[in-house]
Amino acid sequence: MTIHVNERSLSYWNSNQAELTEREDGTKDKWTVAAGTRTLYVGAASDNLILSADIEVG
């Protein structure tokens, strides 16, 4: 099974970032990819998680 997760879903708004990041489409923002090892959970609800996997986010 493959689950596609876009970069924005793994990002956070970095209010400590001094400069805005310019995107390919010309927009500017402070979204920062949360790099490192992350655990993805899948389930019907937060108390019913049936799958998990560690992923490396670059």
PDB file of N, CA and C in Angstrom:
ATOM      1  N   MET A   1       0.842  -1.176   0.000  1.00  0.00           N
ATOM      2  CA  MET A   1       0.000   0.000   0.000  1.00  0.00           C
ATOM      3  C   MET A   1       0.882   1.231   0.000  1.00  0.00           C
ATOM      4  N   THR A   2       0.484   2.216  -0.752  1.00  0.00           N
ATOM      5  CA  THR A   2       1.203   3.479  -0.817  1.00  0.00           C
ATOM      6  C   THR A   2       0.265   4.609  -0.434  1.00  0.00           C
ATOM      7  N   ILE A   3       0.749   5.468   0.430  1.00  0.00           N
ATOM      8  CA  ILE A   3       0.005   6.664   0.817  1.00  0.00           C
ATOM      9  C   ILE A   3       0.852   7.861   0.419  1.00  0.00           C
ATOM     10  N   HIS A   4       0.280   8.758  -0.358  1.00  0.00           N
ATOM     11  CA  HIS A   4       0.984   9.964  -0.780  1.00  0.00           C
ATOM     12  C   HIS A   4       0.628  11.108   0.160  1.00  0.00           C
ATOM     13  N   VAL A   5       1.654  11.740   0.719  1.00  0.00           N
ATOM     14  CA  VAL A   5       1.477  12.860   1.638  1.00  0.00           C
ATOM     15  C   VAL A   5       2.251  14.032   1.063  1.00  0.00           C
ATOM     16  N   ASN A   6       1.576  15.153   0.854  1.00  0.00           N
ATOM     17  CA  ASN A   6       2.282  16.294   0.277  1.00  0.00           C
ATOM     18  C   ASN A   6       3.156  16.994   1.319  1.00  0.00           C
ATOM     19  N   GLU A   7       4.111  17.742   0.819  1.00  0.00           N
ATOM     20  CA  GLU A   7       5.081  18.418   1.681  1.00  0.00           C
ATOM     21  C   GLU A   7       4.409  19.351   2.686  1.00  0.00           C
ATOM     22  N   ARG A   8       3.388  20.043   2.267  1.00  0.00           N
ATOM     23  CA  ARG A   8       2.693  20.991   3.149  1.00  0.00           C
ATOM     24  C   ARG A   8       2.095  20.293   4.370  1.00  0.00           C
ATOM     25  N   SER A   9       1.646  19.048   4.197  1.00  0.00           N
ATOM     26  CA  SER A   9       1.071  18.297   5.316  1.00  0.00           C
ATOM     27  C   SER A   9       2.112  17.961   6.384  1.00  0.00           C
ATOM     28  N   LEU A  10       3.375  18.010   6.022  1.00  0.00           N
ATOM     29  CA  LEU A  10       4.460  17.718   6.958  1.00  0.00           C
ATOM     30  C   LEU A  10       5.201  18.994   7.364  1.00  0.00           C
ATOM     31  N   SER A  11       4.542  20.140   7.215  1.00  0.00           N
ATOM     32  CA  SER A  11       5.159  21.433   7.488  1.00  0.00           C
ATOM     33  C   SER A  11       4.467  22.144   8.643  1.00  0.00           C
ATOM     34  N   TYR A  12       5.154  23.123   9.174  1.00  0.00           N
ATOM     35  CA  TYR A  12       4.590  23.973  10.229  1.00  0.00           C
ATOM     36  C   TYR A  12       4.897  25.429   9.912  1.00  0.00           C
ATOM     37  N   TRP A  13       4.102  26.328  10.462  1.00  0.00           N
ATOM     38  CA  TRP A  13       4.307  27.761  10.266  1.00  0.00           C
ATOM     39  C   TRP A  13       5.416  28.202  11.207  1.00  0.00           C
ATOM     40  N   ASN A  14       6.531  28.647  10.645  1.00  0.00           N
ATOM     41  CA  ASN A  14       7.717  28.988  11.424  1.00  0.00           C
ATOM     42  C   ASN A  14       7.760  30.494  11.691  1.00  0.00           C
ATOM     43  N   SER A  15       7.157  30.915  12.796  1.00  0.00           N
ATOM     44  CA  SER A  15       7.110  32.348  13.118  1.00  0.00           C
ATOM     45  C   SER A  15       8.485  32.896  13.495  1.00  0.00           C
ATOM     46  N   ASN A  16       9.461  32.036  13.779  1.00  0.00           N
ATOM     47  CA  ASN A  16      10.818  32.479  14.099  1.00  0.00           C
ATOM     48  C   ASN A  16      11.663  32.733  12.852  1.00  0.00           C
ATOM     49  N   GLN A  17      11.159  32.336  11.702  1.00  0.00           N
ATOM     50  CA  GLN A  17      11.884  32.525  10.441  1.00  0.00           C
ATOM     51  C   GLN A  17      11.841  34.002  10.062  1.00  0.00           C
ATOM     52  N   ALA A  18      13.003  34.602   9.891  1.00  0.00           N
ATOM     53  CA  ALA A  18      13.074  36.048   9.628  1.00  0.00           C
ATOM     54  C   ALA A  18      12.568  36.416   8.242  1.00  0.00           C
ATOM     55  N   GLU A  19      12.960  35.658   7.230  1.00  0.00           N
ATOM     56  CA  GLU A  19      12.610  35.980   5.852  1.00  0.00           C
ATOM     57  C   GLU A  19      11.515  35.045   5.341  1.00  0.00           C
ATOM     58  N   LEU A  20      10.707  35.545   4.440  1.00  0.00           N
ATOM     59  CA  LEU A  20       9.698  34.708   3.800  1.00  0.00           C
ATOM     60  C   LEU A  20      10.374  33.809   2.758  1.00  0.00           C
ATOM     61  N   THR A  21       9.886  32.589   2.617  1.00  0.00           N
ATOM     62  CA  THR A  21      10.372  31.673   1.598  1.00  0.00           C
ATOM     63  C   THR A  21       9.552  31.888   0.335  1.00  0.00           C
ATOM     64  N   GLU A  22      10.225  32.111  -0.804  1.00  0.00           N
ATOM     65  CA  GLU A  22       9.504  32.290  -2.058  1.00  0.00           C
ATOM     66  C   GLU A  22       9.331  30.932  -2.727  1.00  0.00           C
ATOM     67  N   ARG A  23       8.087  30.613  -3.092  1.00  0.00           N
ATOM     68  CA  ARG A  23       7.747  29.339  -3.726  1.00  0.00           C
ATOM     69  C   ARG A  23       7.840  29.448  -5.239  1.00  0.00           C
ATOM     70  N   GLU A  24       7.802  28.294  -5.915  1.00  0.00           N
ATOM     71  CA  GLU A  24       7.883  28.249  -7.377  1.00  0.00           C
ATOM     72  C   GLU A  24       6.765  29.047  -8.041  1.00  0.00           C
ATOM     73  N   ASP A  25       5.594  29.105  -7.381  1.00  0.00           N
ATOM     74  CA  ASP A  25       4.462  29.822  -7.972  1.00  0.00           C
ATOM     75  C   ASP A  25       4.479  31.322  -7.655  1.00  0.00           C
ATOM     76  N   GLY A  26       5.543  31.801  -6.997  1.00  0.00           N
ATOM     77  CA  GLY A  26       5.677  33.222  -6.706  1.00  0.00           C
ATOM     78  C   GLY A  26       5.136  33.641  -5.350  1.00  0.00           C
ATOM     79  N   THR A  27       4.415  32.758  -4.656  1.00  0.00           N
ATOM     80  CA  THR A  27       3.914  33.101  -3.333  1.00  0.00           C
ATOM     81  C   THR A  27       5.048  33.068  -2.320  1.00  0.00           C
ATOM     82  N   LYS A  28       4.850  33.782  -1.222  1.00  0.00           N
ATOM     83  CA  LYS A  28       5.850  33.817  -0.146  1.00  0.00           C
ATOM     84  C   LYS A  28       5.163  33.471   1.164  1.00  0.00           C
ATOM     85  N   ASP A  29       5.861  32.696   1.999  1.00  0.00           N
ATOM     86  CA  ASP A  29       5.291  32.290   3.278  1.00  0.00           C
ATOM     87  C   ASP A  29       6.391  31.845   4.235  1.00  0.00           C
ATOM     88  N   LYS A  30       5.983  31.350   5.396  1.00  0.00           N
ATOM     89  CA  LYS A  30       6.933  30.867   6.397  1.00  0.00           C
ATOM     90  C   LYS A  30       6.714  29.391   6.724  1.00  0.00           C
ATOM     91  N   TRP A  31       6.101  28.630   5.800  1.00  0.00           N
ATOM     92  CA  TRP A  31       5.934  27.198   6.026  1.00  0.00           C
ATOM     93  C   TRP A  31       7.297  26.527   5.952  1.00  0.00           C
ATOM     94  N   THR A  32       7.607  25.663   6.939  1.00  0.00           N
ATOM     95  CA  THR A  32       8.875  24.962   7.026  1.00  0.00           C
ATOM     96  C   THR A  32       8.600  23.471   7.139  1.00  0.00           C
ATOM     97  N   VAL A  33       9.290  22.673   6.324  1.00  0.00           N
ATOM     98  CA  VAL A  33       9.128  21.219   6.389  1.00  0.00           C
ATOM     99  C   VAL A  33       9.739  20.720   7.694  1.00  0.00           C
ATOM    100  N   ALA A  34       8.990  19.921   8.417  1.00  0.00           N
ATOM    101  CA  ALA A  34       9.459  19.346   9.679  1.00  0.00           C
ATOM    102  C   ALA A  34      10.349  18.145   9.376  1.00  0.00           C
ATOM    103  N   ALA A  35      11.640  18.388   9.151  1.00  0.00           N
ATOM    104  CA  ALA A  35      12.577  17.336   8.764  1.00  0.00           C
ATOM    105  C   ALA A  35      12.876  16.400   9.930  1.00  0.00           C
ATOM    106  N   GLY A  36      13.275  15.181   9.569  1.00  0.00           N
ATOM    107  CA  GLY A  36      13.649  14.186  10.569  1.00  0.00           C
ATOM    108  C   GLY A  36      12.752  12.965  10.490  1.00  0.00           C
ATOM    109  N   THR A  37      12.885  12.101  11.458  1.00  0.00           N
ATOM    110  CA  THR A  37      12.066  10.893  11.504  1.00  0.00           C
ATOM    111  C   THR A  37      10.706  11.222  12.095  1.00  0.00           C
ATOM    112  N   ARG A  38       9.665  10.828  11.416  1.00  0.00           N
ATOM    113  CA  ARG A  38       8.286  11.052  11.864  1.00  0.00           C
ATOM    114  C   ARG A  38       7.544   9.729  11.829  1.00  0.00           C
ATOM    115  N   THR A  39       6.580   9.570  12.710  1.00  0.00           N
ATOM    116  CA  THR A  39       5.741   8.383  12.706  1.00  0.00           C
ATOM    117  C   THR A  39       4.380   8.747  12.142  1.00  0.00           C
ATOM    118  N   LEU A  40       3.955   8.017  11.121  1.00  0.00           N
ATOM    119  CA  LEU A  40       2.625   8.182  10.549  1.00  0.00           C
ATOM    120  C   LEU A  40       1.719   7.118  11.143  1.00  0.00           C
ATOM    121  N   TYR A  41       0.530   7.521  11.532  1.00  0.00           N
ATOM    122  CA  TYR A  41      -0.456   6.602  12.089  1.00  0.00           C
ATOM    123  C   TYR A  41      -1.691   6.591  11.205  1.00  0.00           C
ATOM    124  N   VAL A  42      -2.306   5.431  11.062  1.00  0.00           N
ATOM    125  CA  VAL A  42      -3.527   5.292  10.274  1.00  0.00           C
ATOM    126  C   VAL A  42      -4.556   4.568  11.123  1.00  0.00           C
ATOM    127  N   GLY A  43      -5.776   5.103  11.142  1.00  0.00           N
ATOM    128  CA  GLY A  43      -6.845   4.461  11.891  1.00  0.00           C
ATOM    129  C   GLY A  43      -8.144   5.225  11.754  1.00  0.00           C
ATOM    130  N   ALA A  44      -9.187   4.654  12.280  1.00  0.00           N
ATOM    131  CA  ALA A  44     -10.513   5.264  12.216  1.00  0.00           C
ATOM    132  C   ALA A  44     -10.639   6.447  13.174  1.00  0.00           C
ATOM    133  N   ALA A  45      -9.856   6.439  14.244  1.00  0.00           N
ATOM    134  CA  ALA A  45      -9.896   7.501  15.250  1.00  0.00           C
ATOM    135  C   ALA A  45      -8.588   7.457  16.034  1.00  0.00           C
ATOM    136  N   SER A  46      -8.311   8.495  16.803  1.00  0.00           N
ATOM    137  CA  SER A  46      -7.046   8.549  17.541  1.00  0.00           C
ATOM    138  C   SER A  46      -6.910   7.434  18.571  1.00  0.00           C
ATOM    139  N   ASP A  47      -8.023   6.861  18.995  1.00  0.00           N
ATOM    140  CA  ASP A  47      -7.956   5.737  19.927  1.00  0.00           C
ATOM    141  C   ASP A  47      -8.122   4.391  19.224  1.00  0.00           C
ATOM    142  N   ASN A  48      -8.034   4.393  17.885  1.00  0.00           N
ATOM    143  CA  ASN A  48      -8.177   3.169  17.102  1.00  0.00           C
ATOM    144  C   ASN A  48      -7.187   3.188  15.932  1.00  0.00           C
ATOM    145  N   LEU A  49      -5.892   3.281  16.262  1.00  0.00           N
ATOM    146  CA  LEU A  49      -4.848   3.340  15.245  1.00  0.00           C
ATOM    147  C   LEU A  49      -4.404   1.919  14.916  1.00  0.00           C
ATOM    148  N   ILE A  50      -4.601   1.522  13.668  1.00  0.00           N
ATOM    149  CA  ILE A  50      -4.322   0.128  13.309  1.00  0.00           C
ATOM    150  C   ILE A  50      -3.002  -0.056  12.567  1.00  0.00           C
ATOM    151  N   LEU A  51      -2.431   1.021  12.036  1.00  0.00           N
ATOM    152  CA  LEU A  51      -1.149   0.953  11.328  1.00  0.00           C
ATOM    153  C   LEU A  51      -0.275   2.111  11.750  1.00  0.00           C
ATOM    154  N   SER A  52       1.039   1.874  11.734  1.00  0.00           N
ATOM    155  CA  SER A  52       1.988   2.969  11.955  1.00  0.00           C
ATOM    156  C   SER A  52       3.266   2.634  11.194  1.00  0.00           C
ATOM    157  N   ALA A  53       3.987   3.667  10.805  1.00  0.00           N
ATOM    158  CA  ALA A  53       5.265   3.488  10.114  1.00  0.00           C
ATOM    159  C   ALA A  53       6.120   4.717  10.343  1.00  0.00           C
ATOM    160  N   ASP A  54       7.407   4.506  10.558  1.00  0.00           N
ATOM    161  CA  ASP A  54       8.351   5.616  10.666  1.00  0.00           C
ATOM    162  C   ASP A  54       8.812   5.991   9.267  1.00  0.00           C
ATOM    163  N   ILE A  55       8.871   7.284   9.012  1.00  0.00           N
ATOM    164  CA  ILE A  55       9.338   7.779   7.714  1.00  0.00           C
ATOM    165  C   ILE A  55      10.415   8.836   7.969  1.00  0.00           C
ATOM    166  N   GLU A  56      11.269   9.023   7.000  1.00  0.00           N
ATOM    167  CA  GLU A  56      12.308  10.056   7.080  1.00  0.00           C
ATOM    168  C   GLU A  56      11.879  11.202   6.161  1.00  0.00           C
ATOM    169  N   VAL A  57      11.758  12.387   6.754  1.00  0.00           N
ATOM    170  CA  VAL A  57      11.339  13.573   5.997  1.00  0.00           C
ATOM    171  C   VAL A  57      12.578  14.424   5.765  1.00  0.00           C
ATOM    172  N   GLY A  58      12.833  14.759   4.504  1.00  0.00           N
ATOM    173  CA  GLY A  58      14.032  15.526   4.145  1.00  0.00           C
ATOM    174  C   GLY A  58      13.798  16.929   4.151  1.00  0.00           C
TER     175      GLY A  58
END
